Amino acid sequence: MFSEKEMVQYIKPFARVCMKVFKQFVKLQLTVERPYIFNGNNVHNWDIFAVIGFSGDVRGSFAITMKKNVAFKLTNIITGKTYTEIDEDVIDAIGEIVNIIAGNVKVGFENAFNLEISLPLVVKGEGHSISWIMNTATVFCVPFKIFENDELVLSISLEKKEEKKK
């Protein structure tokens, strides 16, 4: 298991990559807000949950969560069309953002870890619940302010792969 200090060391690259991807791919500046540790009791009201898993020297996942109006605005910017429903274009756009972030994180960690990333999974719908397995890894959440008064949250959970005993 990572120490809290190690986790902070690995969370910073995720946050930096997230900000870089949004600036380059979507032409938006994100503002980092106060990070927190997900404790299982955190209430959320997200409509979109996009997650990618990691395996290799470390395993875990990271996700981006947001309200549907944020997903619509992001998809509008990416496609040039207006969206008012969570359709395949919206799901594809959010999945692609998460995929680009994961790919950049993987490249950034190449010298430290061997990482493989999964395909993105996008969960949609009001009132869906998110459960993280809390007994093996801490989930760190980094909220970002986006647009004028909206928010999206980057959540990261990593754990070291246990070495096999000889």
C-alpha atoms as a PDB file:
ATOM      1  CA  MET A   1       0.000   0.000   0.000  1.00  0.00           C
ATOM      2  CA  PHE A   2       1.193   3.520  -0.734  1.00  0.00           C
ATOM      3  CA  SER A   3       1.827   5.909   2.110  1.00  0.00           C
ATOM      4  CA  GLU A   4      -0.152   9.131   2.033  1.00  0.00           C
ATOM      5  CA  LYS A   5       3.028  10.992   1.043  1.00  0.00           C
ATOM      6  CA  GLU A   6       3.571   8.597  -1.887  1.00  0.00           C
ATOM      7  CA  MET A   7      -0.055   8.967  -2.954  1.00  0.00           C
ATOM      8  CA  VAL A   8       0.254  12.741  -3.035  1.00  0.00           C
ATOM      9  CA  GLN A   9       3.386  12.289  -5.170  1.00  0.00           C
ATOM     10  CA  TYR A  10       1.363  10.248  -7.687  1.00  0.00           C
ATOM     11  CA  ILE A  11      -1.801  12.356  -7.542  1.00  0.00           C
ATOM     12  CA  LYS A  12      -0.023  15.527  -8.632  1.00  0.00           C
ATOM     13  CA  PRO A  13       0.817  14.120 -12.090  1.00  0.00           C
ATOM     14  CA  PHE A  14      -2.826  13.066 -12.563  1.00  0.00           C
ATOM     15  CA  ALA A  15      -3.992  16.586 -11.676  1.00  0.00           C
ATOM     16  CA  ARG A  16      -1.352  18.214 -13.910  1.00  0.00           C
ATOM     17  CA  VAL A  17      -2.205  15.934 -16.844  1.00  0.00           C
ATOM     18  CA  CYS A  18      -5.926  16.581 -16.345  1.00  0.00           C
ATOM     19  CA  MET A  19      -5.338  20.338 -16.458  1.00  0.00           C
ATOM     20  CA  LYS A  20      -3.061  20.002 -19.512  1.00  0.00           C
ATOM     21  CA  VAL A  21      -5.544  17.826 -21.429  1.00  0.00           C
ATOM     22  CA  PHE A  22      -8.425  20.193 -20.747  1.00  0.00           C
ATOM     23  CA  LYS A  23      -6.328  23.175 -21.803  1.00  0.00           C
ATOM     24  CA  GLN A  24      -5.050  21.555 -25.023  1.00  0.00           C
ATOM     25  CA  PHE A  25      -7.952  19.323 -26.060  1.00  0.00           C
ATOM     26  CA  VAL A  26     -10.965  21.337 -24.878  1.00  0.00           C
ATOM     27  CA  LYS A  27      -9.329  24.793 -24.639  1.00  0.00           C
ATOM     28  CA  LEU A  28     -10.466  25.235 -21.032  1.00  0.00           C
ATOM     29  CA  GLN A  29      -8.575  26.287 -17.931  1.00  0.00           C
ATOM     30  CA  LEU A  30      -9.349  24.203 -14.837  1.00  0.00           C
ATOM     31  CA  THR A  31      -8.846  25.547 -11.336  1.00  0.00           C
ATOM     32  CA  VAL A  32      -7.797  23.042  -8.675  1.00  0.00           C
ATOM     33  CA  GLU A  33      -9.850  23.150  -5.505  1.00  0.00           C
ATOM     34  CA  ARG A  34      -9.115  21.502  -2.147  1.00  0.00           C
ATOM     35  CA  PRO A  35      -8.468  17.734  -2.534  1.00  0.00           C
ATOM     36  CA  TYR A  36     -10.072  15.295  -0.110  1.00  0.00           C
ATOM     37  CA  ILE A  37     -10.083  11.601   0.694  1.00  0.00           C
ATOM     38  CA  PHE A  38     -13.224   9.705  -0.295  1.00  0.00           C
ATOM     39  CA  ASN A  39     -14.497   8.001   2.835  1.00  0.00           C
ATOM     40  CA  GLY A  40     -17.469   6.054   1.495  1.00  0.00           C
ATOM     41  CA  ASN A  41     -19.919   8.518   2.979  1.00  0.00           C
ATOM     42  CA  ASN A  42     -19.262  11.374   0.579  1.00  0.00           C
ATOM     43  CA  VAL A  43     -22.537  12.360  -1.027  1.00  0.00           C
ATOM     44  CA  HIS A  44     -22.396  13.079  -4.725  1.00  0.00           C
ATOM     45  CA  ASN A  45     -24.866  14.252  -7.290  1.00  0.00           C
ATOM     46  CA  TRP A  46     -22.945  13.402 -10.431  1.00  0.00           C
ATOM     47  CA  ASP A  47     -24.680  12.349 -13.635  1.00  0.00           C
ATOM     48  CA  ILE A  48     -21.589  11.037 -15.445  1.00  0.00           C
ATOM     49  CA  PHE A  49     -18.865   8.765 -14.051  1.00  0.00           C
ATOM     50  CA  ALA A  50     -16.057   7.911 -16.502  1.00  0.00           C
ATOM     51  CA  VAL A  51     -13.434   5.471 -15.230  1.00  0.00           C
ATOM     52  CA  ILE A  52     -10.293   3.739 -16.491  1.00  0.00           C
ATOM     53  CA  GLY A  53      -8.466   0.960 -14.707  1.00  0.00           C
ATOM     54  CA  PHE A  54      -4.719   0.498 -14.353  1.00  0.00           C
ATOM     55  CA  SER A  55      -2.770  -2.734 -14.044  1.00  0.00           C
ATOM     56  CA  GLY A  56       0.901  -3.635 -14.073  1.00  0.00           C
ATOM     57  CA  ASP A  57       3.361  -2.618 -11.366  1.00  0.00           C
ATOM     58  CA  VAL A  58       0.524  -0.727  -9.705  1.00  0.00           C
ATOM     59  CA  ARG A  59      -3.173  -1.311 -10.007  1.00  0.00           C
ATOM     60  CA  GLY A  60      -6.179   0.842  -9.451  1.00  0.00           C
ATOM     61  CA  SER A  61      -8.337   3.267 -11.321  1.00  0.00           C
ATOM     62  CA  PHE A  62      -9.090   6.865 -11.853  1.00  0.00           C
ATOM     63  CA  ALA A  63     -12.356   8.515 -12.715  1.00  0.00           C
ATOM     64  CA  ILE A  64     -13.822  11.837 -13.672  1.00  0.00           C
ATOM     65  CA  THR A  65     -17.291  12.695 -12.435  1.00  0.00           C
ATOM     66  CA  MET A  66     -19.512  15.602 -13.438  1.00  0.00           C
ATOM     67  CA  LYS A  67     -23.051  16.872 -13.790  1.00  0.00           C
ATOM     68  CA  LYS A  68     -24.724  16.433 -17.164  1.00  0.00           C
ATOM     69  CA  ASN A  69     -24.673  20.174 -17.930  1.00  0.00           C
ATOM     70  CA  VAL A  70     -20.843  20.059 -17.727  1.00  0.00           C
ATOM     71  CA  ALA A  71     -20.779  17.018 -20.034  1.00  0.00           C
ATOM     72  CA  PHE A  72     -23.064  18.857 -22.490  1.00  0.00           C
ATOM     73  CA  LYS A  73     -20.833  21.951 -22.482  1.00  0.00           C
ATOM     74  CA  LEU A  74     -17.686  19.857 -22.998  1.00  0.00           C
ATOM     75  CA  THR A  75     -19.274  17.880 -25.830  1.00  0.00           C
ATOM     76  CA  ASN A  76     -20.552  21.112 -27.412  1.00  0.00           C
ATOM     77  CA  ILE A  77     -16.975  22.432 -27.468  1.00  0.00           C
ATOM     78  CA  ILE A  78     -15.542  19.195 -28.889  1.00  0.00           C
ATOM     79  CA  THR A  79     -18.166  18.591 -31.595  1.00  0.00           C
ATOM     80  CA  GLY A  80     -19.516  22.065 -32.304  1.00  0.00           C
ATOM     81  CA  LYS A  81     -23.073  20.780 -31.766  1.00  0.00           C
ATOM     82  CA  THR A  82     -25.572  21.487 -28.991  1.00  0.00           C
ATOM     83  CA  TYR A  83     -26.559  18.687 -26.603  1.00  0.00           C
ATOM     84  CA  THR A  84     -29.388  18.489 -24.098  1.00  0.00           C
ATOM     85  CA  GLU A  85     -29.494  14.719 -23.536  1.00  0.00           C
ATOM     86  CA  ILE A  86     -26.818  12.204 -22.590  1.00  0.00           C
ATOM     87  CA  ASP A  87     -26.483  10.402 -25.911  1.00  0.00           C
ATOM     88  CA  GLU A  88     -23.696   8.421 -27.598  1.00  0.00           C
ATOM     89  CA  ASP A  89     -21.826  11.595 -28.630  1.00  0.00           C
ATOM     90  CA  VAL A  90     -21.723  12.823 -25.029  1.00  0.00           C
ATOM     91  CA  ILE A  91     -20.627   9.412 -23.738  1.00  0.00           C
ATOM     92  CA  ASP A  92     -17.957   9.176 -26.464  1.00  0.00           C
ATOM     93  CA  ALA A  93     -16.648  12.685 -25.745  1.00  0.00           C
ATOM     94  CA  ILE A  94     -16.316  12.134 -21.994  1.00  0.00           C
ATOM     95  CA  GLY A  95     -14.821   8.672 -22.572  1.00  0.00           C
ATOM     96  CA  GLU A  96     -12.286  10.174 -24.973  1.00  0.00           C
ATOM     97  CA  ILE A  97     -11.262  12.860 -22.469  1.00  0.00           C
ATOM     98  CA  VAL A  98     -10.668  10.195 -19.818  1.00  0.00           C
ATOM     99  CA  ASN A  99      -8.791   8.031 -22.321  1.00  0.00           C
ATOM    100  CA  ILE A 100      -6.485  10.913 -23.306  1.00  0.00           C
ATOM    101  CA  ILE A 101      -5.768  11.672 -19.642  1.00  0.00           C
ATOM    102  CA  ALA A 102      -4.985   7.997 -18.959  1.00  0.00           C
ATOM    103  CA  GLY A 103      -2.683   7.758 -21.974  1.00  0.00           C
ATOM    104  CA  ASN A 104      -0.758  10.848 -20.896  1.00  0.00           C
ATOM    105  CA  VAL A 105      -0.489   9.597 -17.310  1.00  0.00           C
ATOM    106  CA  LYS A 106       0.806   6.246 -18.569  1.00  0.00           C
ATOM    107  CA  VAL A 107       3.516   7.986 -20.620  1.00  0.00           C
ATOM    108  CA  GLY A 108       4.420  10.171 -17.633  1.00  0.00           C
ATOM    109  CA  PHE A 109       4.899   7.152 -15.381  1.00  0.00           C
ATOM    110  CA  GLU A 110       6.862   5.016 -17.874  1.00  0.00           C
ATOM    111  CA  ASN A 111      10.129   5.534 -16.002  1.00  0.00           C
ATOM    112  CA  ALA A 112       8.593   4.662 -12.636  1.00  0.00           C
ATOM    113  CA  PHE A 113       6.068   1.901 -13.425  1.00  0.00           C
ATOM    114  CA  ASN A 114       4.965  -0.505 -16.078  1.00  0.00           C
ATOM    115  CA  LEU A 115       1.297   0.417 -16.541  1.00  0.00           C
ATOM    116  CA  GLU A 116      -1.455  -0.957 -18.708  1.00  0.00           C
ATOM    117  CA  ILE A 117      -4.727   0.921 -19.041  1.00  0.00           C
ATOM    118  CA  SER A 118      -8.194  -0.430 -19.691  1.00  0.00           C
ATOM    119  CA  LEU A 119     -10.795   0.927 -22.051  1.00  0.00           C
ATOM    120  CA  PRO A 120     -12.895   3.723 -20.561  1.00  0.00           C
ATOM    121  CA  LEU A 121     -16.193   2.886 -18.925  1.00  0.00           C
ATOM    122  CA  VAL A 122     -18.814   5.632 -18.747  1.00  0.00           C
ATOM    123  CA  VAL A 123     -21.741   5.344 -16.336  1.00  0.00           C
ATOM    124  CA  LYS A 124     -24.603   7.783 -16.808  1.00  0.00           C
ATOM    125  CA  GLY A 125     -27.772   8.673 -15.006  1.00  0.00           C
ATOM    126  CA  GLU A 126     -29.057  10.692 -12.099  1.00  0.00           C
ATOM    127  CA  GLY A 127     -28.839   9.043  -8.726  1.00  0.00           C
ATOM    128  CA  HIS A 128     -26.358   6.311  -9.664  1.00  0.00           C
ATOM    129  CA  SER A 129     -24.100   5.262  -6.821  1.00  0.00           C
ATOM    130  CA  ILE A 130     -20.352   4.844  -6.910  1.00  0.00           C
ATOM    131  CA  SER A 131     -18.671   2.280  -4.683  1.00  0.00           C
ATOM    132  CA  TRP A 132     -14.929   2.068  -4.328  1.00  0.00           C
ATOM    133  CA  ILE A 133     -13.345  -0.915  -2.608  1.00  0.00           C
ATOM    134  CA  MET A 134     -11.972   0.849   0.419  1.00  0.00           C
ATOM    135  CA  ASN A 135     -10.074  -1.894   2.220  1.00  0.00           C
ATOM    136  CA  THR A 136      -7.026  -1.962  -0.056  1.00  0.00           C
ATOM    137  CA  ALA A 137      -6.470   1.553  -1.374  1.00  0.00           C
ATOM    138  CA  THR A 138      -7.279   5.118  -0.479  1.00  0.00           C
ATOM    139  CA  VAL A 139      -9.355   7.117  -2.950  1.00  0.00           C
ATOM    140  CA  PHE A 140      -8.101  10.671  -3.374  1.00  0.00           C
ATOM    141  CA  CYS A 141     -10.455  13.189  -4.967  1.00  0.00           C
ATOM    142  CA  VAL A 142      -9.310  16.380  -6.666  1.00  0.00           C
ATOM    143  CA  PRO A 143     -12.156  18.761  -7.503  1.00  0.00           C
ATOM    144  CA  PHE A 144     -11.701  21.265 -10.302  1.00  0.00           C
ATOM    145  CA  LYS A 145     -13.684  24.367 -11.038  1.00  0.00           C
ATOM    146  CA  ILE A 146     -14.673  24.447 -14.697  1.00  0.00           C
ATOM    147  CA  PHE A 147     -16.601  27.050 -16.645  1.00  0.00           C
ATOM    148  CA  GLU A 148     -17.902  29.712 -14.287  1.00  0.00           C
ATOM    149  CA  ASN A 149     -19.604  27.840 -11.463  1.00  0.00           C
ATOM    150  CA  ASP A 150     -19.348  24.174 -12.385  1.00  0.00           C
ATOM    151  CA  GLU A 151     -17.190  21.392 -11.012  1.00  0.00           C
ATOM    152  CA  LEU A 152     -15.735  18.084 -12.075  1.00  0.00           C
ATOM    153  CA  VAL A 153     -13.879  15.709  -9.800  1.00  0.00           C
ATOM    154  CA  LEU A 154     -10.854  13.561 -10.568  1.00  0.00           C
ATOM    155  CA  SER A 155     -10.710  10.502  -8.268  1.00  0.00           C
ATOM    156  CA  ILE A 156      -7.604   8.322  -8.058  1.00  0.00           C
ATOM    157  CA  SER A 157      -7.103   4.988  -6.325  1.00  0.00           C
ATOM    158  CA  LEU A 158      -3.768   3.183  -6.700  1.00  0.00           C
ATOM    159  CA  GLU A 159      -2.091   0.369  -4.870  1.00  0.00           C
ATOM    160  CA  LYS A 160       1.246  -1.337  -5.301  1.00  0.00           C
ATOM    161  CA  LYS A 161       1.184  -4.792  -6.739  1.00  0.00           C
ATOM    162  CA  GLU A 162       2.378  -7.227  -4.103  1.00  0.00           C
ATOM    163  CA  GLU A 163       5.597  -8.952  -5.002  1.00  0.00           C
ATOM    164  CA  LYS A 164       5.424 -12.736  -5.120  1.00  0.00           C
ATOM    165  CA  LYS A 165       7.406 -14.490  -2.415  1.00  0.00           C
ATOM    166  CA  LYS A 166      10.022 -16.930  -3.636  1.00  0.00           C
END
